[in-house]
Amino acid sequence: MAPRILLARHGQTEWSLLGRHTGRTDIPLLDEGRQGAKLLGERLHRSPWSGLSGVEVRTSPLLRARETCALAGFGERASSWDALMEWNYGAYEGLTAAEIHADRPDWFIWRDGVPEGETLSELGARADEVIEWARSADRDVLVFAHGHILRVLGARWLNQDPSFAARIRLDPTSLSVLGWAYAEPAVERWNDTGHMEG
């Protein structure tokens, strides 16, 4: 079996709801985010996932990801890993895109990056580290992390430049699966929030 990566983005936080760049600021989930995490867990414990008994689980060490992991029922199986932390936004931490555009009208994070923070190539290197780990053994993996690092993971899985992540949106508490088609890396599922409907 070729290994796959199942990606779970953390649930809604106050800052993600407001569109604030939340890199290393360690904030908890909102009630909505906690409920979404439980619904994601219920989904992953039903067929066809059935609890993912053979899957290796890792989570970002940041509270919002660890809380999502625990509420989804995977906390005891998960190892914390700094490679899954969100983009370090440096001077733009906590700012919205509108606030940044007030000073830099043409700013685009996937092209221009962030001052005093992590470069896009550094973020891509962390994504490559996660992919190398995922492909290192004959088992699937499940990771709980953040919007931008997971989008870059998707881009790098497909052998695209990290900036390709601009084209693949990812909502809070979504489920995505990176797998294979005809022996080539492929997206099996992306930004699936079906567990949040109804």
C-alpha atoms as a PDB file:
ATOM      1  CA  MET A   1       0.000   0.000   0.000  1.00  0.00           C
ATOM      2  CA  ALA A   2       1.377   3.425  -0.938  1.00  0.00           C
ATOM      3  CA  PRO A   3       1.136   5.748   2.075  1.00  0.00           C
ATOM      4  CA  ARG A   4      -1.371   8.575   2.138  1.00  0.00           C
ATOM      5  CA  ILE A   5      -1.601  11.724   4.269  1.00  0.00           C
ATOM      6  CA  LEU A   6      -4.930  12.598   5.839  1.00  0.00           C
ATOM      7  CA  LEU A   7      -5.019  16.296   6.684  1.00  0.00           C
ATOM      8  CA  ALA A   8      -7.263  17.756   9.384  1.00  0.00           C
ATOM      9  CA  ARG A   9      -7.279  21.525   9.733  1.00  0.00           C
ATOM     10  CA  HIS A  10      -7.997  22.759  13.251  1.00  0.00           C
ATOM     11  CA  GLY A  11     -11.428  24.082  14.201  1.00  0.00           C
ATOM     12  CA  GLN A  12     -12.576  27.679  14.191  1.00  0.00           C
ATOM     13  CA  THR A  13     -10.830  30.168  16.490  1.00  0.00           C
ATOM     14  CA  GLU A  14     -11.635  33.808  17.167  1.00  0.00           C
ATOM     15  CA  TRP A  15      -8.735  34.908  14.962  1.00  0.00           C
ATOM     16  CA  SER A  16      -9.511  32.559  12.067  1.00  0.00           C
ATOM     17  CA  LEU A  17     -13.109  33.803  12.159  1.00  0.00           C
ATOM     18  CA  LEU A  18     -11.861  37.406  11.940  1.00  0.00           C
ATOM     19  CA  GLY A  19      -9.280  36.616   9.242  1.00  0.00           C
ATOM     20  CA  ARG A  20      -6.291  37.449  11.459  1.00  0.00           C
ATOM     21  CA  HIS A  21      -2.989  35.836  10.527  1.00  0.00           C
ATOM     22  CA  THR A  22      -2.539  33.316  13.326  1.00  0.00           C
ATOM     23  CA  GLY A  23       0.900  31.811  13.197  1.00  0.00           C
ATOM     24  CA  ARG A  24       2.485  31.137  16.558  1.00  0.00           C
ATOM     25  CA  THR A  25      -0.099  32.901  18.749  1.00  0.00           C
ATOM     26  CA  ASP A  26      -1.498  30.067  20.856  1.00  0.00           C
ATOM     27  CA  ILE A  27      -5.242  30.603  21.063  1.00  0.00           C
ATOM     28  CA  PRO A  28      -8.003  28.098  21.843  1.00  0.00           C
ATOM     29  CA  LEU A  29     -10.896  26.941  19.725  1.00  0.00           C
ATOM     30  CA  LEU A  30     -14.263  28.661  19.835  1.00  0.00           C
ATOM     31  CA  ASP A  31     -17.277  26.560  20.841  1.00  0.00           C
ATOM     32  CA  GLU A  32     -17.991  26.244  17.103  1.00  0.00           C
ATOM     33  CA  GLY A  33     -14.476  24.918  16.577  1.00  0.00           C
ATOM     34  CA  ARG A  34     -14.823  22.391  19.398  1.00  0.00           C
ATOM     35  CA  GLN A  35     -18.123  21.157  17.963  1.00  0.00           C
ATOM     36  CA  GLY A  36     -16.559  20.861  14.502  1.00  0.00           C
ATOM     37  CA  ALA A  37     -13.664  18.855  15.915  1.00  0.00           C
ATOM     38  CA  LYS A  38     -16.097  16.417  17.549  1.00  0.00           C
ATOM     39  CA  LEU A  39     -18.030  16.057  14.283  1.00  0.00           C
ATOM     40  CA  LEU A  40     -14.782  15.407  12.402  1.00  0.00           C
ATOM     41  CA  GLY A  41     -13.890  12.750  14.951  1.00  0.00           C
ATOM     42  CA  GLU A  42     -17.286  11.083  14.630  1.00  0.00           C
ATOM     43  CA  ARG A  43     -16.792  10.975  10.873  1.00  0.00           C
ATOM     44  CA  LEU A  44     -13.320   9.454  11.134  1.00  0.00           C
ATOM     45  CA  HIS A  45     -14.622   6.785  13.515  1.00  0.00           C
ATOM     46  CA  ARG A  46     -17.362   5.711  11.074  1.00  0.00           C
ATOM     47  CA  SER A  47     -16.999   3.717   7.856  1.00  0.00           C
ATOM     48  CA  PRO A  48     -14.974   3.933   5.679  1.00  0.00           C
ATOM     49  CA  TRP A  49     -12.405   5.324   8.140  1.00  0.00           C
ATOM     50  CA  SER A  50     -13.457   3.210  11.162  1.00  0.00           C
ATOM     51  CA  GLY A  51     -11.129   4.917  13.598  1.00  0.00           C
ATOM     52  CA  LEU A  52      -8.017   4.612  11.406  1.00  0.00           C
ATOM     53  CA  SER A  53      -6.515   1.924  13.634  1.00  0.00           C
ATOM     54  CA  GLY A  54      -3.265   1.508  11.682  1.00  0.00           C
ATOM     55  CA  VAL A  55      -2.643   5.192  11.085  1.00  0.00           C
ATOM     56  CA  GLU A  56       0.223   7.132  12.669  1.00  0.00           C
ATOM     57  CA  VAL A  57      -1.014  10.458  14.090  1.00  0.00           C
ATOM     58  CA  ARG A  58       0.899  13.687  14.569  1.00  0.00           C
ATOM     59  CA  THR A  59      -0.244  17.163  15.540  1.00  0.00           C
ATOM     60  CA  SER A  60       1.089  20.672  15.607  1.00  0.00           C
ATOM     61  CA  PRO A  61       2.045  21.574  19.182  1.00  0.00           C
ATOM     62  CA  LEU A  62      -0.163  24.672  19.062  1.00  0.00           C
ATOM     63  CA  LEU A  63      -3.282  24.520  21.240  1.00  0.00           C
ATOM     64  CA  ARG A  64      -5.871  24.873  18.470  1.00  0.00           C
ATOM     65  CA  ALA A  65      -4.476  21.843  16.611  1.00  0.00           C
ATOM     66  CA  ARG A  66      -3.901  19.740  19.747  1.00  0.00           C
ATOM     67  CA  GLU A  67      -7.421  20.534  20.964  1.00  0.00           C
ATOM     68  CA  THR A  68      -8.913  19.550  17.595  1.00  0.00           C
ATOM     69  CA  CYS A  69      -6.915  16.314  17.651  1.00  0.00           C
ATOM     70  CA  ALA A  70      -8.052  15.455  21.179  1.00  0.00           C
ATOM     71  CA  LEU A  71     -11.718  16.293  20.592  1.00  0.00           C
ATOM     72  CA  ALA A  72     -11.652  14.200  17.404  1.00  0.00           C
ATOM     73  CA  GLY A  73     -10.547  11.236  19.523  1.00  0.00           C
ATOM     74  CA  PHE A  74      -6.897  10.965  18.455  1.00  0.00           C
ATOM     75  CA  GLY A  75      -5.129  12.833  21.259  1.00  0.00           C
ATOM     76  CA  GLU A  76      -3.753   9.754  23.026  1.00  0.00           C
ATOM     77  CA  ARG A  77      -2.328   8.400  19.751  1.00  0.00           C
ATOM     78  CA  ALA A  78      -0.783  11.663  18.562  1.00  0.00           C
ATOM     79  CA  SER A  79       2.793  12.869  18.746  1.00  0.00           C
ATOM     80  CA  SER A  80       3.435  16.609  18.743  1.00  0.00           C
ATOM     81  CA  TRP A  81       5.705  17.845  15.921  1.00  0.00           C
ATOM     82  CA  ASP A  82       7.050  21.347  15.345  1.00  0.00           C
ATOM     83  CA  ALA A  83       7.205  20.763  11.573  1.00  0.00           C
ATOM     84  CA  LEU A  84       3.388  21.023  11.557  1.00  0.00           C
ATOM     85  CA  MET A  85       3.288  24.490  13.139  1.00  0.00           C
ATOM     86  CA  GLU A  86       1.650  27.269  11.164  1.00  0.00           C
ATOM     87  CA  TRP A  87       3.620  29.769   9.083  1.00  0.00           C
ATOM     88  CA  ASN A  88       5.544  32.196  11.275  1.00  0.00           C
ATOM     89  CA  TYR A  89       3.991  35.478  10.077  1.00  0.00           C
ATOM     90  CA  GLY A  90       6.559  37.666  11.828  1.00  0.00           C
ATOM     91  CA  ALA A  91       5.514  41.336  11.802  1.00  0.00           C
ATOM     92  CA  TYR A  92       2.132  40.411  10.283  1.00  0.00           C
ATOM     93  CA  GLU A  93       1.081  38.144  13.167  1.00  0.00           C
ATOM     94  CA  GLY A  94      -2.442  39.045  14.249  1.00  0.00           C
ATOM     95  CA  LEU A  95      -3.117  41.368  11.314  1.00  0.00           C
ATOM     96  CA  THR A  96      -5.863  40.929   8.737  1.00  0.00           C
ATOM     97  CA  ALA A  97      -5.178  41.173   5.012  1.00  0.00           C
ATOM     98  CA  ALA A  98      -7.120  44.466   4.969  1.00  0.00           C
ATOM     99  CA  GLU A  99      -4.846  45.922   7.645  1.00  0.00           C
ATOM    100  CA  ILE A 100      -1.743  44.866   5.718  1.00  0.00           C
ATOM    101  CA  HIS A 101      -3.161  46.248   2.456  1.00  0.00           C
ATOM    102  CA  ALA A 102      -3.552  49.667   4.101  1.00  0.00           C
ATOM    103  CA  ASP A 103       0.262  49.916   3.974  1.00  0.00           C
ATOM    104  CA  ARG A 104       0.967  47.565   1.054  1.00  0.00           C
ATOM    105  CA  PRO A 105      -2.006  47.658  -1.360  1.00  0.00           C
ATOM    106  CA  ASP A 106      -0.515  45.096  -3.762  1.00  0.00           C
ATOM    107  CA  TRP A 107       0.661  42.655  -1.062  1.00  0.00           C
ATOM    108  CA  PHE A 108       0.018  38.966  -1.748  1.00  0.00           C
ATOM    109  CA  ILE A 109       1.328  36.560   0.871  1.00  0.00           C
ATOM    110  CA  TRP A 110       2.067  33.757  -1.604  1.00  0.00           C
ATOM    111  CA  ARG A 111       4.278  36.093  -3.662  1.00  0.00           C
ATOM    112  CA  ASP A 112       5.561  38.688  -1.183  1.00  0.00           C
ATOM    113  CA  GLY A 113       5.840  36.708   2.032  1.00  0.00           C
ATOM    114  CA  VAL A 114       6.016  38.327   5.459  1.00  0.00           C
ATOM    115  CA  PRO A 115       8.616  40.621   7.057  1.00  0.00           C
ATOM    116  CA  GLU A 116      10.545  39.297  10.047  1.00  0.00           C
ATOM    117  CA  GLY A 117       8.952  35.878   9.697  1.00  0.00           C
ATOM    118  CA  GLU A 118       9.384  32.608   7.865  1.00  0.00           C
ATOM    119  CA  THR A 119       9.974  32.596   4.109  1.00  0.00           C
ATOM    120  CA  LEU A 120       7.749  30.604   1.787  1.00  0.00           C
ATOM    121  CA  SER A 121      10.712  28.408   0.885  1.00  0.00           C
ATOM    122  CA  GLU A 122      11.282  27.660   4.588  1.00  0.00           C
ATOM    123  CA  LEU A 123       7.611  26.726   4.919  1.00  0.00           C
ATOM    124  CA  GLY A 124       7.983  24.513   1.844  1.00  0.00           C
ATOM    125  CA  ALA A 125      10.999  22.794   3.401  1.00  0.00           C
ATOM    126  CA  ARG A 126       8.933  21.938   6.485  1.00  0.00           C
ATOM    127  CA  ALA A 127       6.184  20.551   4.248  1.00  0.00           C
ATOM    128  CA  ASP A 128       8.795  18.435   2.438  1.00  0.00           C
ATOM    129  CA  GLU A 129       9.948  17.081   5.811  1.00  0.00           C
ATOM    130  CA  VAL A 130       6.391  15.981   6.605  1.00  0.00           C
ATOM    131  CA  ILE A 131       6.023  14.337   3.187  1.00  0.00           C
ATOM    132  CA  GLU A 132       9.318  12.493   3.580  1.00  0.00           C
ATOM    133  CA  TRP A 133       8.132  11.153   6.948  1.00  0.00           C
ATOM    134  CA  ALA A 134       4.736  10.167   5.516  1.00  0.00           C
ATOM    135  CA  ARG A 135       6.325   8.223   2.669  1.00  0.00           C
ATOM    136  CA  SER A 136       8.899   6.543   4.913  1.00  0.00           C
ATOM    137  CA  ALA A 137       6.765   3.549   5.890  1.00  0.00           C
ATOM    138  CA  ASP A 138       3.939   1.356   4.663  1.00  0.00           C
ATOM    139  CA  ARG A 139       1.095   3.018   6.565  1.00  0.00           C
ATOM    140  CA  ASP A 140      -1.179   6.042   6.261  1.00  0.00           C
ATOM    141  CA  VAL A 141      -0.701   9.107   8.450  1.00  0.00           C
ATOM    142  CA  LEU A 142      -3.121  11.633   9.943  1.00  0.00           C
ATOM    143  CA  VAL A 143      -1.972  15.141  10.770  1.00  0.00           C
ATOM    144  CA  PHE A 144      -3.736  17.931  12.640  1.00  0.00           C
ATOM    145  CA  ALA A 145      -2.406  21.329  11.681  1.00  0.00           C
ATOM    146  CA  HIS A 146      -3.169  24.750  10.181  1.00  0.00           C
ATOM    147  CA  GLY A 147      -4.448  26.289   6.970  1.00  0.00           C
ATOM    148  CA  HIS A 148      -1.295  27.585   5.315  1.00  0.00           C
ATOM    149  CA  ILE A 149       1.086  24.764   6.242  1.00  0.00           C
ATOM    150  CA  LEU A 150      -1.498  22.205   5.081  1.00  0.00           C
ATOM    151  CA  ARG A 151      -2.048  24.059   1.806  1.00  0.00           C
ATOM    152  CA  VAL A 152       1.707  24.044   1.189  1.00  0.00           C
ATOM    153  CA  LEU A 153       1.756  20.336   2.058  1.00  0.00           C
ATOM    154  CA  GLY A 154      -0.839  19.805  -0.668  1.00  0.00           C
ATOM    155  CA  ALA A 155       1.215  21.779  -3.175  1.00  0.00           C
ATOM    156  CA  ARG A 156       4.447  19.967  -2.366  1.00  0.00           C
ATOM    157  CA  TRP A 157       2.744  16.530  -2.419  1.00  0.00           C
ATOM    158  CA  LEU A 158       1.876  17.320  -6.045  1.00  0.00           C
ATOM    159  CA  ASN A 159       5.487  18.411  -6.721  1.00  0.00           C
ATOM    160  CA  GLN A 160       4.372  22.020  -7.163  1.00  0.00           C
ATOM    161  CA  ASP A 161       6.086  25.170  -5.937  1.00  0.00           C
ATOM    162  CA  PRO A 162       4.851  26.205  -2.467  1.00  0.00           C
ATOM    163  CA  SER A 163       3.165  29.244  -4.069  1.00  0.00           C
ATOM    164  CA  PHE A 164       0.699  26.828  -5.735  1.00  0.00           C
ATOM    165  CA  ALA A 165      -0.949  26.715  -2.299  1.00  0.00           C
ATOM    166  CA  ALA A 166      -2.619  30.026  -3.190  1.00  0.00           C
ATOM    167  CA  ARG A 167      -4.921  28.052  -5.479  1.00  0.00           C
ATOM    168  CA  ILE A 168      -6.118  25.467  -2.943  1.00  0.00           C
ATOM    169  CA  ARG A 169      -8.386  26.851  -0.245  1.00  0.00           C
ATOM    170  CA  LEU A 170      -8.788  25.082   3.093  1.00  0.00           C
ATOM    171  CA  ASP A 171     -11.561  25.726   5.623  1.00  0.00           C
ATOM    172  CA  PRO A 172     -11.470  25.162   9.398  1.00  0.00           C
ATOM    173  CA  THR A 173     -12.173  21.575  10.495  1.00  0.00           C
ATOM    174  CA  SER A 174     -11.854  20.300   6.927  1.00  0.00           C
ATOM    175  CA  LEU A 175     -10.645  16.850   5.929  1.00  0.00           C
ATOM    176  CA  SER A 176      -8.327  16.291   2.972  1.00  0.00           C
ATOM    177  CA  VAL A 177      -6.551  13.190   1.678  1.00  0.00           C
ATOM    178  CA  LEU A 178      -3.355  13.191  -0.362  1.00  0.00           C
ATOM    179  CA  GLY A 179      -2.837   9.881  -2.112  1.00  0.00           C
ATOM    180  CA  TRP A 180      -1.938   8.379  -5.444  1.00  0.00           C
ATOM    181  CA  ALA A 181      -3.304   7.855  -8.959  1.00  0.00           C
ATOM    182  CA  TYR A 182      -1.459   5.779 -11.552  1.00  0.00           C
ATOM    183  CA  ALA A 183       1.567   5.721  -9.224  1.00  0.00           C
ATOM    184  CA  GLU A 184       1.746   9.529  -9.192  1.00  0.00           C
ATOM    185  CA  PRO A 185       0.944  11.806  -6.226  1.00  0.00           C
ATOM    186  CA  ALA A 186      -2.686  12.915  -6.373  1.00  0.00           C
ATOM    187  CA  VAL A 187      -5.405  14.626  -4.367  1.00  0.00           C
ATOM    188  CA  GLU A 188      -8.050  12.101  -3.307  1.00  0.00           C
ATOM    189  CA  ARG A 189     -10.144  14.565  -1.301  1.00  0.00           C
ATOM    190  CA  TRP A 190      -9.744  18.272  -0.577  1.00  0.00           C
ATOM    191  CA  ASN A 191     -11.387  20.746   1.812  1.00  0.00           C
ATOM    192  CA  ASP A 192     -14.167  18.290   2.640  1.00  0.00           C
ATOM    193  CA  THR A 193     -16.462  19.694   5.331  1.00  0.00           C
ATOM    194  CA  GLY A 194     -19.365  17.292   4.806  1.00  0.00           C
ATOM    195  CA  HIS A 195     -19.328  16.410   8.515  1.00  0.00           C
ATOM    196  CA  MET A 196     -20.220  20.060   9.278  1.00  0.00           C
ATOM    197  CA  GLU A 197     -23.390  20.063   7.168  1.00  0.00           C
ATOM    198  CA  GLY A 198     -26.864  19.476   8.551  1.00  0.00           C
END
